[in-house]
């Protein structure tokens, strides 16, 4: 009985930190994958030096977040970046694009994908 108890204590003592390290490794890999996806889309010379990117990936099933800060961006550039990044990112990723839009204050545009099963058009009424 003592061997089983000591084996259990050993598994909890060594297994807990090992599982925690594996979960953090998966989270960091997801964050790196998100960052590489965003960098592939925003690697053009027109944005060089004007963009800052922050990526957060949630633990396990929590959604991720990508925040893009632009310096001196027009409204058209912000919408263009939203359009470029909306396709390659997962639907579980929240995308925030922030930048000054034709005024000194910054405006934030948030893009959250709808579920794929959601209808794009309103439902048709049946004729009575």
C-alpha atoms as a PDB file:
ATOM      1  CA  UNK A   1       0.000   0.000   0.000  1.00  0.00           C
ATOM      2  CA  UNK A   2       2.886   2.328   0.797  1.00  0.00           C
ATOM      3  CA  UNK A   3       4.364   1.750  -2.650  1.00  0.00           C
ATOM      4  CA  UNK A   4       1.118   2.737  -4.354  1.00  0.00           C
ATOM      5  CA  UNK A   5       0.862   5.880  -2.234  1.00  0.00           C
ATOM      6  CA  UNK A   6       4.460   6.878  -2.926  1.00  0.00           C
ATOM      7  CA  UNK A   7       4.007   6.176  -6.648  1.00  0.00           C
ATOM      8  CA  UNK A   8       0.891   8.372  -6.657  1.00  0.00           C
ATOM      9  CA  UNK A   9       2.702  11.193  -4.867  1.00  0.00           C
ATOM     10  CA  UNK A  10       5.587  10.873  -7.314  1.00  0.00           C
ATOM     11  CA  UNK A  11       3.235  11.030 -10.318  1.00  0.00           C
ATOM     12  CA  UNK A  12       1.469  14.104  -8.961  1.00  0.00           C
ATOM     13  CA  UNK A  13       4.744  15.798  -8.057  1.00  0.00           C
ATOM     14  CA  UNK A  14       6.395  15.151 -11.413  1.00  0.00           C
ATOM     15  CA  UNK A  15       3.312  14.876 -13.635  1.00  0.00           C
ATOM     16  CA  UNK A  16       1.695  18.190 -12.693  1.00  0.00           C
ATOM     17  CA  UNK A  17       4.563  20.426 -13.772  1.00  0.00           C
ATOM     18  CA  UNK A  18       5.163  18.267 -16.846  1.00  0.00           C
ATOM     19  CA  UNK A  19       1.544  18.595 -17.989  1.00  0.00           C
ATOM     20  CA  UNK A  20       1.619  22.337 -17.283  1.00  0.00           C
ATOM     21  CA  UNK A  21       4.789  22.689 -19.377  1.00  0.00           C
ATOM     22  CA  UNK A  22       3.135  20.774 -22.239  1.00  0.00           C
ATOM     23  CA  UNK A  23       0.057  23.039 -22.134  1.00  0.00           C
ATOM     24  CA  UNK A  24       2.225  26.156 -22.198  1.00  0.00           C
ATOM     25  CA  UNK A  25       4.232  24.712 -25.099  1.00  0.00           C
ATOM     26  CA  UNK A  26       1.043  24.181 -27.118  1.00  0.00           C
ATOM     27  CA  UNK A  27      -0.066  27.751 -26.346  1.00  0.00           C
ATOM     28  CA  UNK A  28       3.297  29.173 -27.425  1.00  0.00           C
ATOM     29  CA  UNK A  29       3.212  27.177 -30.664  1.00  0.00           C
ATOM     30  CA  UNK A  30      -0.287  28.533 -31.417  1.00  0.00           C
ATOM     31  CA  UNK A  31       0.937  32.088 -30.754  1.00  0.00           C
ATOM     32  CA  UNK A  32       3.931  31.585 -33.053  1.00  0.00           C
ATOM     33  CA  UNK A  33       1.678  30.195 -35.781  1.00  0.00           C
ATOM     34  CA  UNK A  34      -0.656  33.208 -35.483  1.00  0.00           C
ATOM     35  CA  UNK A  35       2.280  35.612 -35.629  1.00  0.00           C
ATOM     36  CA  UNK A  36       3.728  33.915 -38.715  1.00  0.00           C
ATOM     37  CA  UNK A  37       0.339  34.070 -40.447  1.00  0.00           C
ATOM     38  CA  UNK A  38      -0.025  37.792 -39.724  1.00  0.00           C
ATOM     39  CA  UNK A  39       3.568  38.564 -40.733  1.00  0.00           C
ATOM     40  CA  UNK A  40       3.105  36.720 -44.035  1.00  0.00           C
ATOM     41  CA  UNK A  41       0.130  38.948 -44.875  1.00  0.00           C
ATOM     42  CA  UNK A  42       1.667  42.243 -43.682  1.00  0.00           C
ATOM     43  CA  UNK A  43       5.187  41.861 -45.057  1.00  0.00           C
ATOM     44  CA  UNK A  44       4.808  44.455 -47.807  1.00  0.00           C
ATOM     45  CA  UNK A  45       7.160  47.439 -48.070  1.00  0.00           C
ATOM     46  CA  UNK A  46       4.280  49.938 -47.746  1.00  0.00           C
ATOM     47  CA  UNK A  47       3.735  48.970 -44.093  1.00  0.00           C
ATOM     48  CA  UNK A  48       7.373  48.621 -43.077  1.00  0.00           C
ATOM     49  CA  UNK A  49       8.046  50.613 -39.924  1.00  0.00           C
ATOM     50  CA  UNK A  50       4.381  51.577 -39.481  1.00  0.00           C
ATOM     51  CA  UNK A  51       2.929  48.463 -37.935  1.00  0.00           C
ATOM     52  CA  UNK A  52       3.150  46.821 -34.495  1.00  0.00           C
ATOM     53  CA  UNK A  53       1.700  43.366 -33.903  1.00  0.00           C
ATOM     54  CA  UNK A  54       0.724  41.738 -30.606  1.00  0.00           C
ATOM     55  CA  UNK A  55      -0.459  38.137 -30.502  1.00  0.00           C
ATOM     56  CA  UNK A  56      -2.058  36.268 -27.615  1.00  0.00           C
ATOM     57  CA  UNK A  57      -3.080  32.643 -27.733  1.00  0.00           C
ATOM     58  CA  UNK A  58      -5.355  31.285 -25.032  1.00  0.00           C
ATOM     59  CA  UNK A  59      -4.707  28.202 -22.963  1.00  0.00           C
ATOM     60  CA  UNK A  60      -6.275  25.026 -24.318  1.00  0.00           C
ATOM     61  CA  UNK A  61      -9.557  25.989 -26.024  1.00  0.00           C
ATOM     62  CA  UNK A  62      -9.591  29.704 -25.263  1.00  0.00           C
ATOM     63  CA  UNK A  63      -9.700  31.925 -28.354  1.00  0.00           C
ATOM     64  CA  UNK A  64      -6.684  33.896 -29.522  1.00  0.00           C
ATOM     65  CA  UNK A  65      -6.294  37.598 -30.204  1.00  0.00           C
ATOM     66  CA  UNK A  66      -4.253  39.523 -32.768  1.00  0.00           C
ATOM     67  CA  UNK A  67      -3.830  43.250 -32.258  1.00  0.00           C
ATOM     68  CA  UNK A  68      -2.368  45.363 -35.066  1.00  0.00           C
ATOM     69  CA  UNK A  69      -1.407  48.988 -34.348  1.00  0.00           C
ATOM     70  CA  UNK A  70      -0.846  51.202 -37.382  1.00  0.00           C
ATOM     71  CA  UNK A  71       0.948  54.508 -37.505  1.00  0.00           C
ATOM     72  CA  UNK A  72      -0.428  57.087 -39.930  1.00  0.00           C
ATOM     73  CA  UNK A  73      -2.991  54.838 -41.584  1.00  0.00           C
ATOM     74  CA  UNK A  74      -5.963  55.910 -43.623  1.00  0.00           C
ATOM     75  CA  UNK A  75      -9.391  54.369 -43.206  1.00  0.00           C
ATOM     76  CA  UNK A  76      -8.900  52.528 -46.503  1.00  0.00           C
ATOM     77  CA  UNK A  77      -5.633  50.947 -45.310  1.00  0.00           C
ATOM     78  CA  UNK A  78      -7.281  49.736 -42.109  1.00  0.00           C
ATOM     79  CA  UNK A  79     -10.145  48.118 -44.014  1.00  0.00           C
ATOM     80  CA  UNK A  80      -7.659  46.596 -46.451  1.00  0.00           C
ATOM     81  CA  UNK A  81      -5.703  45.029 -43.591  1.00  0.00           C
ATOM     82  CA  UNK A  82      -8.929  43.721 -42.039  1.00  0.00           C
ATOM     83  CA  UNK A  83      -9.807  42.142 -45.368  1.00  0.00           C
ATOM     84  CA  UNK A  84      -6.365  40.606 -45.852  1.00  0.00           C
ATOM     85  CA  UNK A  85      -6.212  39.106 -42.366  1.00  0.00           C
ATOM     86  CA  UNK A  86      -9.802  37.915 -42.103  1.00  0.00           C
ATOM     87  CA  UNK A  87      -9.295  35.043 -44.544  1.00  0.00           C
ATOM     88  CA  UNK A  88      -6.146  33.254 -43.262  1.00  0.00           C
ATOM     89  CA  UNK A  89      -6.942  33.609 -39.553  1.00  0.00           C
ATOM     90  CA  UNK A  90      -9.062  31.049 -37.759  1.00  0.00           C
ATOM     91  CA  UNK A  91     -12.620  31.971 -36.876  1.00  0.00           C
ATOM     92  CA  UNK A  92     -11.676  31.619 -33.194  1.00  0.00           C
ATOM     93  CA  UNK A  93      -9.231  34.534 -33.418  1.00  0.00           C
ATOM     94  CA  UNK A  94     -10.262  38.081 -32.580  1.00  0.00           C
ATOM     95  CA  UNK A  95      -8.610  40.714 -34.762  1.00  0.00           C
ATOM     96  CA  UNK A  96      -8.174  44.317 -33.535  1.00  0.00           C
ATOM     97  CA  UNK A  97      -6.738  46.934 -35.895  1.00  0.00           C
ATOM     98  CA  UNK A  98      -6.018  50.301 -34.273  1.00  0.00           C
ATOM     99  CA  UNK A  99      -4.734  53.488 -35.840  1.00  0.00           C
ATOM    100  CA  UNK A 100      -5.408  57.215 -36.129  1.00  0.00           C
ATOM    101  CA  UNK A 101      -8.052  57.700 -38.789  1.00  0.00           C
ATOM    102  CA  UNK A 102      -8.024  61.222 -40.246  1.00  0.00           C
ATOM    103  CA  UNK A 103      -7.954  62.741 -36.777  1.00  0.00           C
ATOM    104  CA  UNK A 104      -5.538  62.757 -33.857  1.00  0.00           C
ATOM    105  CA  UNK A 105      -7.455  60.155 -31.837  1.00  0.00           C
ATOM    106  CA  UNK A 106      -7.033  56.469 -32.595  1.00  0.00           C
ATOM    107  CA  UNK A 107      -9.952  54.357 -33.773  1.00  0.00           C
ATOM    108  CA  UNK A 108     -10.185  50.613 -33.163  1.00  0.00           C
ATOM    109  CA  UNK A 109     -11.801  48.251 -35.637  1.00  0.00           C
ATOM    110  CA  UNK A 110     -12.579  44.801 -34.257  1.00  0.00           C
ATOM    111  CA  UNK A 111     -13.270  41.827 -36.491  1.00  0.00           C
ATOM    112  CA  UNK A 112     -14.829  38.672 -35.078  1.00  0.00           C
ATOM    113  CA  UNK A 113     -15.783  35.994 -37.558  1.00  0.00           C
ATOM    114  CA  UNK A 114     -19.328  34.713 -37.599  1.00  0.00           C
ATOM    115  CA  UNK A 115     -20.003  31.012 -37.420  1.00  0.00           C
ATOM    116  CA  UNK A 116     -19.858  29.279 -40.777  1.00  0.00           C
ATOM    117  CA  UNK A 117     -23.376  27.955 -40.356  1.00  0.00           C
ATOM    118  CA  UNK A 118     -24.878  31.426 -39.892  1.00  0.00           C
ATOM    119  CA  UNK A 119     -27.052  32.514 -42.837  1.00  0.00           C
ATOM    120  CA  UNK A 120     -25.836  35.482 -44.846  1.00  0.00           C
ATOM    121  CA  UNK A 121     -29.270  36.602 -45.914  1.00  0.00           C
ATOM    122  CA  UNK A 122     -32.458  36.983 -43.857  1.00  0.00           C
ATOM    123  CA  UNK A 123     -34.738  33.996 -43.850  1.00  0.00           C
ATOM    124  CA  UNK A 124     -37.521  34.006 -46.421  1.00  0.00           C
ATOM    125  CA  UNK A 125     -41.101  34.087 -45.144  1.00  0.00           C
ATOM    126  CA  UNK A 126     -43.444  31.413 -46.307  1.00  0.00           C
ATOM    127  CA  UNK A 127     -46.451  32.616 -48.221  1.00  0.00           C
ATOM    128  CA  UNK A 128     -49.691  31.982 -46.361  1.00  0.00           C
END
